């Protein structure tokens, strides 16, 4: 027996004090309603209503049960509403992550946009490398994330890929910093600062392979974590350059785009396969919009031009 449903029938009869009017309100046949109330009385072991020609009146036991019925049904209605909001992504907590070097402004925009699109939900956001994210997504300790490719695909679902062009972060007094944009050949022989390979091995190798393919062989590659250490190394000498997405440079440094965009990071949202519920879909849609609007990511990799762009096409 569906106890809550039968209690709703009982409450309707008690409020109407008449089986006929209650049946009409519930849009059901009166005999069927009477049978449901009798079944509820047998289940509870007490008589709830006294039937008479004038209608139906509550027994002393019925009055006590009705008081509890209001409490139970109100709680059930609140629970049902909450579940609907969770299913719609408008409530609950979503565990998500972003990769390093996404940019503080982009992360702030993601948090704000998610909150605006789902006022009743919470976003538990952490900064994790792609390797850490894929491990946690597979383990079920993370609901969604923003990852960089190439990355493991087993057991994961992915949103559309976006491309984030890399540029050169230089010291202000570096001769290359005086150019509005650079050719990747200009970086040949320099010491390159790049994220640790252990955090995203495939992406690390892909970036260096792309450098070599476009004629840039670094004199050395130093793995660094954290913007402060990167900043210090760049200021230590004019032959040091970091390959990073467009960023707001720290004092004493300058970011310059690379002509033709030969280096890009491929980025997308990710989630455990088969677990892309409403909250995950809301996060992935929000992240995709924020990455395009605030981080400058584009749907397809920019194509190398045969001729350099005018400096006016690179607003800095």
Protein backbone atom coordinates (compact mmCIF):
# COMPACT_ATOMS: atom_id res chain seq x y z
CA UNK A 1 0.00 0.00 0.00
CA UNK A 2 1.20 3.49 -0.86
CA UNK A 3 0.80 5.03 2.60
CA UNK A 4 1.36 8.63 1.55
CA UNK A 5 -1.16 8.36 -1.27
CA UNK A 6 -3.78 6.87 1.04
CA UNK A 7 -3.12 9.59 3.61
CA UNK A 8 -3.80 12.18 0.90
CA UNK A 9 -7.15 10.50 0.24
CA UNK A 10 -7.91 10.54 3.96
CA UNK A 11 -6.99 14.23 4.27
CA UNK A 12 -9.27 15.14 1.38
CA UNK A 13 -12.25 13.35 2.95
CA UNK A 14 -11.51 14.88 6.35
CA UNK A 15 -11.35 18.37 4.87
CA UNK A 16 -14.48 17.96 2.75
CA UNK A 17 -16.32 15.95 5.47
CA UNK A 18 -18.01 14.16 2.60
CA UNK A 19 -16.95 11.21 0.43
CA UNK A 20 -18.75 12.48 -2.67
CA UNK A 21 -17.19 15.94 -2.61
CA UNK A 22 -13.76 14.47 -1.80
CA UNK A 23 -14.05 12.00 -4.70
CA UNK A 24 -14.94 14.84 -7.05
CA UNK A 25 -11.96 16.87 -5.79
CA UNK A 26 -9.65 13.89 -6.28
CA UNK A 27 -11.21 13.07 -9.65
CA UNK A 28 -11.96 9.48 -8.75
CA UNK A 29 -15.04 7.33 -8.22
CA UNK A 30 -16.64 7.51 -4.78
CA UNK A 31 -16.70 3.70 -4.24
CA UNK A 32 -13.00 3.53 -5.04
CA UNK A 33 -12.25 6.31 -2.57
CA UNK A 34 -14.30 4.59 0.13
CA UNK A 35 -12.36 1.36 -0.44
CA UNK A 36 -9.03 3.21 -0.16
CA UNK A 37 -10.06 4.74 3.20
CA UNK A 38 -11.20 1.35 4.50
CA UNK A 39 -7.85 -0.15 3.49
CA UNK A 40 -6.00 2.62 5.32
CA UNK A 41 -8.09 2.00 8.46
CA UNK A 42 -7.29 -1.72 8.29
CA UNK A 43 -3.59 -0.92 7.84
CA UNK A 44 -3.53 1.43 10.86
CA UNK A 45 -5.87 -0.70 12.96
CA UNK A 46 -8.20 2.19 13.90
CA UNK A 47 -11.38 3.71 12.54
CA UNK A 48 -10.66 7.18 11.19
CA UNK A 49 -14.06 8.36 9.95
CA UNK A 50 -17.63 7.94 11.10
CA UNK A 51 -19.91 7.60 8.08
CA UNK A 52 -23.41 9.03 8.16
CA UNK A 53 -26.10 10.46 5.90
CA UNK A 54 -24.81 13.96 6.52
CA UNK A 55 -21.29 13.02 5.50
CA UNK A 56 -18.11 11.84 7.22
CA UNK A 57 -16.81 13.06 10.55
CA UNK A 58 -13.48 12.38 12.22
CA UNK A 59 -13.29 9.94 15.08
CA UNK A 60 -11.01 10.82 18.04
CA UNK A 61 -8.35 8.57 16.49
CA UNK A 62 -8.97 10.22 13.11
CA UNK A 63 -8.28 13.69 14.56
CA UNK A 64 -4.91 12.51 15.93
CA UNK A 65 -3.97 10.82 12.66
CA UNK A 66 -5.01 13.89 10.65
CA UNK A 67 -2.64 16.10 12.65
CA UNK A 68 0.26 13.76 11.87
CA UNK A 69 -0.93 13.45 8.27
CA UNK A 70 -0.48 17.19 7.71
CA UNK A 71 3.10 16.98 9.03
CA UNK A 72 3.99 13.91 6.95
CA UNK A 73 2.48 15.17 3.70
CA UNK A 74 4.01 18.64 4.05
CA UNK A 75 7.42 17.03 4.62
CA UNK A 76 6.88 14.73 1.64
CA UNK A 77 5.99 17.71 -0.56
CA UNK A 78 9.14 19.57 0.52
CA UNK A 79 11.24 16.48 -0.15
CA UNK A 80 9.70 16.02 -3.59
CA UNK A 81 10.35 19.67 -4.45
CA UNK A 82 13.95 19.36 -3.28
CA UNK A 83 14.52 16.23 -5.36
CA UNK A 84 13.12 17.99 -8.43
CA UNK A 85 15.51 20.89 -7.88
CA UNK A 86 18.45 18.50 -7.47
CA UNK A 87 17.44 16.63 -10.63
CA UNK A 88 17.24 19.96 -12.44
CA UNK A 89 20.68 21.03 -11.25
CA UNK A 90 19.21 23.80 -9.08
CA UNK A 91 20.20 22.36 -5.71
CA UNK A 92 22.87 20.26 -4.09
CA UNK A 93 26.65 20.48 -4.33
CA UNK A 94 28.59 19.71 -7.50
CA UNK A 95 32.22 18.64 -7.04
CA UNK A 96 34.24 20.09 -9.90
CA UNK A 97 37.81 21.05 -10.75
CA UNK A 98 39.75 23.35 -13.06
CA UNK A 99 43.33 22.95 -14.33
CA UNK A 100 46.22 25.18 -13.24
CA UNK A 101 46.90 28.35 -15.23
CA UNK A 102 43.26 28.78 -16.18
CA UNK A 103 43.43 32.32 -14.81
CA UNK A 104 41.91 33.90 -11.72
CA UNK A 105 39.45 36.04 -13.69
CA UNK A 106 38.19 32.96 -15.57
CA UNK A 107 37.72 30.93 -12.38
CA UNK A 108 35.85 33.83 -10.75
CA UNK A 109 33.63 34.16 -13.83
CA UNK A 110 32.89 30.42 -13.72
CA UNK A 111 31.83 30.54 -10.07
CA UNK A 112 29.67 33.62 -10.66
CA UNK A 113 28.00 32.25 -13.79
CA UNK A 114 27.23 28.89 -12.17
CA UNK A 115 25.72 30.62 -9.14
CA UNK A 116 23.58 32.86 -11.38
CA UNK A 117 22.34 29.96 -13.48
CA UNK A 118 21.61 27.76 -10.46
CA UNK A 119 20.93 29.97 -7.41
CA UNK A 120 20.12 27.06 -5.07
CA UNK A 121 23.14 24.93 -5.96
CA UNK A 122 26.70 25.02 -4.63
CA UNK A 123 29.87 24.51 -6.63
CA UNK A 124 32.75 22.87 -4.73
CA UNK A 125 35.57 23.93 -7.05
CA UNK A 126 39.22 22.86 -6.73
CA UNK A 127 42.35 23.34 -8.80
CA UNK A 128 43.67 19.95 -9.97
CA UNK A 129 45.94 18.86 -12.78
CA UNK A 130 44.49 16.86 -15.65
CA UNK A 131 46.08 13.68 -14.27
CA UNK A 132 44.54 14.30 -10.84
CA UNK A 133 41.15 15.09 -12.35
CA UNK A 134 40.94 12.00 -14.53
CA UNK A 135 41.87 9.83 -11.53
CA UNK A 136 39.20 11.41 -9.32
CA UNK A 137 36.56 11.33 -12.07
CA UNK A 138 37.21 7.61 -12.50
CA UNK A 139 37.06 7.08 -8.73
CA UNK A 140 33.80 8.98 -8.40
CA UNK A 141 35.18 11.63 -6.03
CA UNK A 142 34.75 14.32 -8.68
CA UNK A 143 31.54 15.01 -10.64
CA UNK A 144 32.94 17.15 -13.45
CA UNK A 145 36.03 19.03 -14.47
CA UNK A 146 37.85 21.06 -17.08
CA UNK A 147 40.74 19.04 -18.52
CA UNK A 148 43.43 19.55 -21.10
CA UNK A 149 44.02 17.09 -23.92
CA UNK A 150 45.45 14.61 -24.67
CA UNK A 151 44.26 12.80 -21.56
CA UNK A 152 42.97 9.33 -20.66
CA UNK A 153 39.52 8.71 -22.13
CA UNK A 154 38.50 5.37 -20.59
CA UNK A 155 35.32 5.74 -18.56
CA UNK A 156 34.95 9.47 -19.27
CA UNK A 157 32.62 11.67 -21.27
CA UNK A 158 33.78 14.94 -22.81
CA UNK A 159 32.29 18.21 -23.98
CA UNK A 160 33.34 19.98 -27.21
CA UNK A 161 37.03 20.83 -27.37
CA UNK A 162 38.17 24.43 -27.30
CA UNK A 163 41.63 25.70 -28.23
CA UNK A 164 43.68 28.11 -26.12
CA UNK A 165 46.63 29.66 -28.00
CA UNK A 166 49.91 29.86 -26.13
CA UNK A 167 52.16 32.91 -26.14
CA UNK A 168 55.53 33.96 -24.73
CA UNK A 169 55.89 35.50 -21.29
CA UNK A 170 59.11 37.56 -21.27
CA UNK A 171 60.98 40.05 -19.14
CA UNK A 172 60.17 43.68 -19.99
CA UNK A 173 63.82 44.33 -20.89
CA UNK A 174 63.98 41.35 -23.24
CA UNK A 175 64.53 42.59 -26.82
CA UNK A 176 61.63 40.40 -28.01
CA UNK A 177 59.25 42.18 -25.64
CA UNK A 178 59.38 45.25 -27.90
CA UNK A 179 57.65 43.39 -30.75
CA UNK A 180 53.83 43.30 -30.89
CA UNK A 181 53.92 39.60 -31.78
CA UNK A 182 56.56 36.92 -32.22
CA UNK A 183 57.40 34.09 -34.55
CA UNK A 184 58.02 30.82 -32.77
CA UNK A 185 61.46 30.76 -34.43
CA UNK A 186 62.34 33.76 -32.24
CA UNK A 187 62.33 31.44 -29.21
CA UNK A 188 64.79 28.95 -30.71
CA UNK A 189 67.65 28.13 -28.34
CA UNK A 190 66.06 29.79 -25.30
CA UNK A 191 65.33 28.22 -21.95
CA UNK A 192 61.64 27.36 -21.90
CA UNK A 193 59.56 27.27 -18.71
CA UNK A 194 56.79 24.69 -18.87
CA UNK A 195 54.48 22.95 -16.42
CA UNK A 196 55.80 19.69 -14.87
CA UNK A 197 55.46 16.72 -17.20
CA UNK A 198 54.07 14.54 -14.40
CA UNK A 199 50.93 16.69 -14.20
CA UNK A 200 49.97 16.10 -17.86
CA UNK A 201 52.55 13.93 -19.64
CA UNK A 202 50.82 13.77 -23.02
CA UNK A 203 50.20 17.53 -23.17
CA UNK A 204 53.77 18.29 -22.08
CA UNK A 205 55.16 16.10 -24.87
CA UNK A 206 52.68 17.43 -27.42
CA UNK A 207 53.70 21.04 -26.65
CA UNK A 208 57.41 20.34 -27.09
CA UNK A 209 56.75 18.30 -30.24
CA UNK A 210 54.80 21.22 -31.71
CA UNK A 211 57.69 23.55 -30.88
CA UNK A 212 60.12 21.29 -32.75
CA UNK A 213 57.74 20.87 -35.68
CA UNK A 214 57.60 24.65 -36.10
CA UNK A 215 61.36 25.12 -35.90
CA UNK A 216 61.90 25.94 -32.22
CA UNK A 217 64.39 23.81 -30.33
CA UNK A 218 64.79 25.05 -26.75
CA UNK A 219 68.24 25.29 -25.25
CA UNK A 220 66.75 23.82 -22.09
CA UNK A 221 63.33 23.02 -20.63
CA UNK A 222 62.68 23.78 -16.98
CA UNK A 223 59.58 22.46 -15.28
CA UNK A 224 57.96 25.00 -12.95
CA UNK A 225 54.83 25.29 -10.83
CA UNK A 226 53.36 28.50 -9.51
CA UNK A 227 53.30 31.97 -11.04
CA UNK A 228 55.66 33.49 -8.47
CA UNK A 229 58.52 31.10 -9.26
CA UNK A 230 57.89 31.51 -13.00
CA UNK A 231 57.99 35.29 -12.57
CA UNK A 232 61.27 35.11 -10.66
CA UNK A 233 62.95 32.92 -13.28
CA UNK A 234 61.86 35.19 -16.13
CA UNK A 235 63.28 38.25 -14.37
CA UNK A 236 66.57 36.42 -13.76
CA UNK A 237 67.70 36.61 -17.39
CA UNK A 238 66.69 37.69 -20.89
CA UNK A 239 67.03 34.17 -22.38
CA UNK A 240 64.21 32.71 -20.28
CA UNK A 241 60.65 32.51 -21.63
CA UNK A 242 57.49 30.81 -20.40
CA UNK A 243 54.93 29.30 -22.76
CA UNK A 244 51.57 30.19 -21.27
CA UNK A 245 48.06 31.25 -22.41
CA UNK A 246 47.24 34.94 -22.60
CA UNK A 247 47.58 36.35 -19.11
CA UNK A 248 47.77 39.58 -17.17
CA UNK A 249 51.55 39.85 -16.78
CA UNK A 250 53.18 40.38 -13.41
CA UNK A 251 55.21 43.59 -12.98
CA UNK A 252 58.40 43.42 -15.01
CA UNK A 253 57.04 40.91 -17.54
CA UNK A 254 55.27 41.11 -20.90
CA UNK A 255 53.10 38.56 -22.73
CA UNK A 256 53.30 38.39 -26.51
CA UNK A 257 51.21 36.23 -28.92
CA UNK A 258 52.86 33.86 -31.38
CA UNK A 259 52.22 34.54 -35.04
CA UNK A 260 49.89 32.03 -36.63
CA UNK A 261 49.09 30.42 -33.25
CA UNK A 262 51.38 27.38 -33.72
CA UNK A 263 50.88 26.22 -30.13
CA UNK A 264 47.49 25.66 -28.51
CA UNK A 265 46.15 23.79 -25.52
CA UNK A 266 43.05 21.73 -26.26
CA UNK A 267 40.58 22.03 -23.41
CA UNK A 268 37.16 20.54 -22.67
CA UNK A 269 34.86 19.61 -19.85
CA UNK A 270 34.84 16.00 -18.61
CA UNK A 271 32.68 13.79 -16.41
CA UNK A 272 32.31 10.09 -15.53
CA UNK A 273 30.71 8.30 -18.49
CA UNK A 274 26.97 7.81 -18.03
CA UNK A 275 26.75 10.31 -15.17
CA UNK A 276 26.01 13.51 -17.08
CA UNK A 277 22.94 14.48 -15.07
CA UNK A 278 21.34 17.95 -15.08
CA UNK A 279 23.87 19.46 -12.63
CA UNK A 280 26.82 18.16 -14.69
CA UNK A 281 25.24 19.42 -17.91
CA UNK A 282 24.68 22.81 -16.30
CA UNK A 283 28.35 22.95 -15.28
CA UNK A 284 29.61 21.88 -18.70
CA UNK A 285 27.42 24.41 -20.53
CA UNK A 286 28.46 27.17 -18.13
CA UNK A 287 32.15 26.26 -18.35
CA UNK A 288 32.04 26.18 -22.16
CA UNK A 289 30.52 29.68 -22.29
CA UNK A 290 32.93 31.09 -19.69
CA UNK A 291 36.00 29.63 -21.42
CA UNK A 292 34.98 31.28 -24.68
CA UNK A 293 33.94 34.62 -23.22
CA UNK A 294 36.53 35.13 -20.48
CA UNK A 295 39.53 32.95 -21.38
CA UNK A 296 39.59 33.58 -25.12
CA UNK A 297 39.27 29.92 -26.10
CA UNK A 298 37.97 29.15 -29.59
CA UNK A 299 36.05 26.14 -30.95
CA UNK A 300 38.61 25.23 -33.63
CA UNK A 301 42.37 25.63 -33.74
CA UNK A 302 43.34 28.97 -35.34
CA UNK A 303 44.97 28.45 -38.72
CA UNK A 304 48.46 29.68 -39.54
CA UNK A 305 48.32 32.59 -41.99
CA UNK A 306 50.58 32.87 -44.99
CA UNK A 307 51.31 36.48 -44.08
CA UNK A 308 51.77 38.02 -40.63
CA UNK A 309 48.83 39.88 -39.16
CA UNK A 310 49.06 43.63 -38.74
CA UNK A 311 49.98 44.60 -35.20
CA UNK A 312 46.54 46.23 -34.85
CA UNK A 313 44.95 42.75 -34.88
CA UNK A 314 46.62 41.88 -31.59
CA UNK A 315 45.04 44.09 -28.92
CA UNK A 316 47.18 43.93 -25.80
